[in-house]
Protein backbone atom coordinates (compact mmCIF):
# COMPACT_ATOMS: atom_id res chain seq x y z
CA ALA A 1 -80.95 -29.02 -46.54
CA ILE A 2 -77.46 -29.94 -47.47
CA GLY A 3 -76.07 -26.55 -46.34
CA MET A 4 -77.86 -26.82 -42.97
CA PHE A 5 -76.39 -30.36 -42.50
CA GLU A 6 -72.88 -29.13 -43.19
CA CYS A 7 -73.21 -26.25 -40.74
CA ARG A 8 -74.53 -28.56 -38.04
CA TYR A 9 -71.68 -31.03 -38.74
CA CYS A 10 -69.07 -28.27 -38.49
CA LEU A 11 -70.51 -26.92 -35.28
CA HIS A 12 -70.61 -30.46 -33.77
CA LEU A 13 -66.99 -31.09 -34.90
CA PHE A 14 -65.81 -27.79 -33.41
CA THR A 15 -67.57 -28.61 -30.16
CA MET A 16 -65.89 -32.03 -30.00
CA THR A 17 -62.40 -30.54 -30.74
CA SER A 18 -62.79 -27.89 -28.02
CA ALA A 19 -63.80 -30.51 -25.50
CA THR A 20 -60.84 -32.75 -26.44
CA THR A 21 -58.40 -29.85 -26.13
CA ARG A 22 -59.78 -28.96 -22.69
CA ARG A 23 -59.37 -32.57 -21.56
CA SER A 24 -55.77 -32.92 -22.94
CA ALA A 25 -54.54 -29.51 -21.56
CA PRO A 26 -53.76 -30.88 -18.03
CA LEU A 27 -51.88 -33.78 -19.61
CA LEU A 28 -49.74 -31.42 -21.65
CA GLU A 29 -48.99 -29.24 -18.66
CA THR A 30 -48.02 -32.32 -16.58
CA ALA A 31 -45.68 -33.49 -19.35
CA ALA A 32 -44.06 -30.04 -19.60
CA ILE A 33 -43.56 -29.90 -15.83
CA THR A 34 -42.08 -33.38 -15.81
CA ALA A 35 -39.68 -32.51 -18.65
CA THR A 36 -38.62 -29.34 -16.84
CA ILE A 37 -37.99 -31.16 -13.58
CA THR A 38 -36.01 -33.87 -15.40
CA ALA A 39 -33.85 -31.25 -17.17
CA ALA A 40 -33.27 -29.39 -13.92
CA PHE A 41 -32.28 -32.60 -12.16
CA ALA A 42 -29.85 -33.52 -14.94
CA LEU A 43 -28.36 -30.03 -14.86
CA THR A 44 -27.94 -30.26 -11.06
CA LEU A 45 -26.15 -33.58 -11.40
CA HIS A 46 -23.85 -32.12 -14.04
CA ILE A 47 -23.04 -29.10 -11.87
CA CYS A 48 -22.29 -31.32 -8.88
CA SER A 49 -20.05 -33.52 -11.03
CA VAL A 50 -18.14 -30.47 -12.34
CA ARG A 51 -17.69 -29.09 -8.82
CA ARG A 52 -16.47 -32.49 -7.54
CA ASP A 53 -13.95 -32.77 -10.41
CA ARG A 54 -12.80 -29.22 -9.68
CA ARG A 55 -12.25 -29.98 -6.00
CA LEU A 56 -10.30 -33.09 -6.87
CA ALA A 57 -8.19 -31.19 -9.37
CA GLU A 58 -7.49 -28.39 -6.87
CA ALA A 59 -6.52 -30.93 -4.18
CA LYS A 60 -4.22 -32.72 -6.65
CA LEU A 61 -2.62 -29.42 -7.65
CA ALA A 62 -2.08 -28.42 -3.99
CA GLN A 63 -0.50 -31.80 -3.32
CA LEU A 64 1.83 -31.43 -6.31
CA ASN A 65 2.82 -27.91 -5.25
CA GLU A 66 3.51 -29.06 -1.73
CA GLN A 67 5.60 -31.94 -3.03
CA ARG A 68 7.52 -29.58 -5.35
CA MET A 69 8.24 -27.17 -2.52
CA ALA A 70 9.42 -29.98 -0.27
CA GLU A 71 11.73 -31.27 -2.99
CA ARG A 72 13.06 -27.77 -3.60
CA THR A 73 13.62 -27.19 0.10
CA GLY A 74 15.47 -30.47 0.41
CA ARG A 75 17.62 -29.69 -2.64
CA ILE A 76 18.55 -26.25 -1.36
CA ARG A 77 19.49 -27.63 2.05
CA ALA A 78 21.64 -30.27 0.43
CA GLU A 79 23.33 -27.64 -1.72
CA VAL A 80 23.93 -25.38 1.25
CA LYS A 81 25.43 -28.30 3.19
CA LEU A 82 27.64 -29.24 0.25
CA ARG A 83 28.78 -25.62 -0.14
CA THR A 84 29.64 -25.40 3.53
CA LEU A 85 31.62 -28.65 3.40
CA MET A 86 33.50 -27.54 0.30
CA LYS A 87 34.28 -24.18 1.90
CA ASN A 88 35.59 -25.80 5.09
CA GLU A 89 37.71 -28.22 3.05
CA SER A 90 39.09 -25.40 0.93
CA GLY A 91 39.91 -23.39 4.08
CA SER A 92 41.62 -26.34 5.73
CA ASN A 93 43.69 -27.02 2.60
CA ALA A 94 44.79 -23.42 2.33
CA SER A 95 45.66 -23.35 6.04
CA SER A 96 47.78 -26.51 5.76
CA SER A 97 49.53 -25.13 2.66
CA ASN A 98 50.36 -21.91 4.45
CA LYS A 99 51.77 -23.81 7.45
CA LYS A 100 54.03 -25.82 5.15
CA GLY A 101 55.11 -22.69 3.35
CA ASN A 102 53.74 -23.90 0.00
CA LEU A 103 51.67 -20.91 -1.14
CA LEU A 104 49.63 -21.34 -4.26
CA GLN A 105 51.32 -19.70 -7.21
CA SER A 106 49.51 -18.16 -10.19
CA GLN A 107 50.74 -18.45 -13.74
CA ASP A 108 52.80 -15.27 -13.54
CA GLY A 109 54.58 -16.47 -10.42
CA THR A 110 52.75 -14.23 -7.89
CA ASP A 111 51.13 -15.48 -4.79
CA ASP A 112 47.47 -16.34 -5.38
CA MET A 113 46.69 -15.28 -1.83
CA ASP A 114 47.54 -11.67 -2.74
CA ASN A 115 44.62 -11.54 -5.22
CA ARG A 116 41.95 -12.51 -2.75
CA LEU A 117 39.45 -9.95 -1.47
CA VAL A 118 39.13 -9.38 2.25
CA CYS A 119 35.68 -9.04 3.74
CA ILE A 120 35.39 -5.67 5.56
CA GLY A 121 31.70 -5.75 6.53
CA LYS A 122 28.23 -7.21 6.24
CA VAL A 123 25.15 -5.87 4.51
CA VAL A 124 22.06 -5.83 6.71
CA SER A 125 18.83 -5.64 4.71
CA PRO A 126 15.10 -5.88 5.57
CA PHE A 127 14.86 -8.51 2.82
CA THR A 128 16.20 -11.68 4.44
CA LYS A 129 15.00 -14.08 1.71
CA ARG A 130 15.28 -14.03 -2.02
CA MET A 131 11.52 -14.51 -2.39
CA GLY A 132 10.02 -11.03 -2.36
CA CYS A 133 13.35 -9.27 -2.81
CA PRO A 134 12.95 -6.41 -5.33
CA ARG A 135 14.85 -6.57 -8.60
CA GLN A 136 16.08 -2.97 -8.12
CA GLY A 137 16.32 -0.74 -5.10
CA ALA A 138 14.39 2.02 -6.90
CA LEU A 139 11.25 -0.13 -6.68
CA VAL A 140 11.17 0.27 -2.91
CA PRO A 141 12.61 3.75 -2.22
CA ASN A 142 11.46 3.69 1.43
CA ALA A 143 13.39 0.53 2.28
CA ARG A 144 16.58 1.07 4.21
CA GLY A 145 19.61 -1.14 4.69
CA TYR A 146 23.06 -0.55 6.16
CA ILE A 147 26.55 -1.92 6.01
CA GLN A 148 28.08 -3.04 9.33
CA LEU A 149 31.84 -2.57 8.87
CA SER A 150 34.44 -4.60 10.69
CA ILE A 151 37.28 -2.14 10.01
CA PRO A 152 38.36 0.94 11.98
CA GLU A 153 35.93 3.88 11.70
CA GLN A 154 38.69 6.17 10.63
CA THR A 155 38.68 4.47 7.24
CA VAL A 156 35.27 5.95 6.36
CA GLU A 157 35.90 9.54 7.56
CA GLY A 158 34.72 11.99 4.89
CA MET A 159 32.37 9.60 3.13
CA ASP A 160 29.35 11.56 4.37
CA SER A 161 30.31 14.32 1.91
CA TYR A 162 29.42 12.04 -1.01
CA SER A 163 25.96 11.20 -2.28
CA HIS A 164 26.57 7.66 -3.50
CA ALA A 165 29.03 4.80 -3.17
CA TRP A 166 29.88 1.70 -5.15
CA ILE A 167 29.65 -1.49 -3.12
CA ILE A 168 31.50 -4.65 -4.15
CA PHE A 169 30.04 -7.65 -2.42
CA ALA A 170 29.87 -11.43 -2.56
CA PHE A 171 26.80 -13.62 -3.00
CA HIS A 172 27.74 -15.70 0.01
CA ALA A 173 24.38 -17.58 0.15
CA ASN A 174 24.53 -18.97 -3.39
CA THR A 175 23.61 -22.65 -3.53
CA ASP A 176 25.25 -23.47 -6.86
CA ARG A 177 28.57 -25.22 -7.10
CA PRO A 178 31.61 -23.29 -8.45
CA ASP A 179 32.28 -26.00 -11.06
CA SER A 180 28.68 -25.96 -12.35
CA ALA A 181 28.40 -26.32 -16.14
CA LYS A 182 25.22 -24.25 -16.28
CA THR A 183 25.65 -21.39 -18.78
CA LYS A 184 22.17 -20.18 -19.59
CA ILE A 185 19.20 -19.24 -17.45
CA ARG A 186 15.59 -18.17 -18.03
CA PRO A 187 14.96 -14.62 -16.69
CA PRO A 188 11.67 -14.19 -14.79
CA ARG A 189 10.18 -11.62 -17.16
CA ALA A 190 11.56 -13.03 -20.41
CA PRO A 191 9.19 -14.53 -23.06
CA LYS A 192 8.25 -18.12 -22.47
CA GLY A 193 11.09 -20.51 -23.34
CA THR A 194 13.67 -17.77 -23.77
CA LYS A 195 17.08 -18.47 -22.28
CA VAL A 196 20.10 -16.12 -22.24
CA GLY A 197 23.65 -16.34 -20.97
CA MET A 198 24.01 -15.90 -17.23
CA LEU A 199 26.35 -12.91 -17.69
CA ALA A 200 23.60 -11.10 -19.65
CA THR A 201 21.32 -11.06 -16.60
CA ARG A 202 21.31 -9.98 -12.95
CA SER A 203 21.47 -13.58 -11.80
CA PRO A 204 23.74 -14.12 -8.78
CA HIS A 205 24.67 -17.57 -10.12
CA ARG A 206 27.85 -16.90 -12.08
CA PRO A 207 31.45 -18.21 -12.18
CA ASN A 208 32.62 -15.54 -9.71
CA ASN A 209 29.99 -14.78 -7.06
CA ILE A 210 30.82 -11.04 -6.99
CA GLY A 211 28.24 -8.29 -7.21
CA LEU A 212 28.40 -4.56 -7.71
CA SER A 213 25.75 -2.08 -6.50
CA LEU A 214 25.44 1.69 -6.47
CA VAL A 215 23.90 2.82 -3.19
CA LYS A 216 22.80 6.16 -1.84
CA ILE A 217 24.60 7.38 1.28
CA VAL A 218 21.99 8.58 3.82
CA ARG A 219 24.38 8.96 6.74
CA VAL A 220 27.60 7.55 8.16
CA ASP A 221 27.53 6.53 11.84
């Protein structure tokens, strides 16, 4: 009798547990769905916040870059204007000295005017700005430039029989001042923070704005 009572009790308990589980299953599913929706909503808010912060950061960066470019453009224009004024003033002083007969004398007593180079031509290149100009001509072998000479053509007769020529030129568009105290620069491809002397690089900013290039002679017109 006791065994039969225990079996009946177990069967009745199992039946009650199964019924309770069936009744609570929809509640569990609803809670799971609610938790999933809440997590998805929170994740969406986080993504929107990150995207908004990114747009604000990009706009701020663009504004700073635009401001930096404007400041750089203004500085370059000011330096060009200053260089032009100094060149005109130097030319007027030299002209007045020549008219008075007071030529500048070097330390050895010779005329300083005799040591000046005379411009005999102008280099015409497809690269009109320093931005985008190749570091070496060998990087763009199909690019062509020419030298427009202002001297009689008889002076270049026979040059077409040579393959190459050395060209001495002046960096006439430099924006630095001749009396600048700057001695070191940071090359574009040097390790971060590395500075070297200006004469150890190809920088056009140097005490004497003179350059030397080896060019290939294609033809002489």
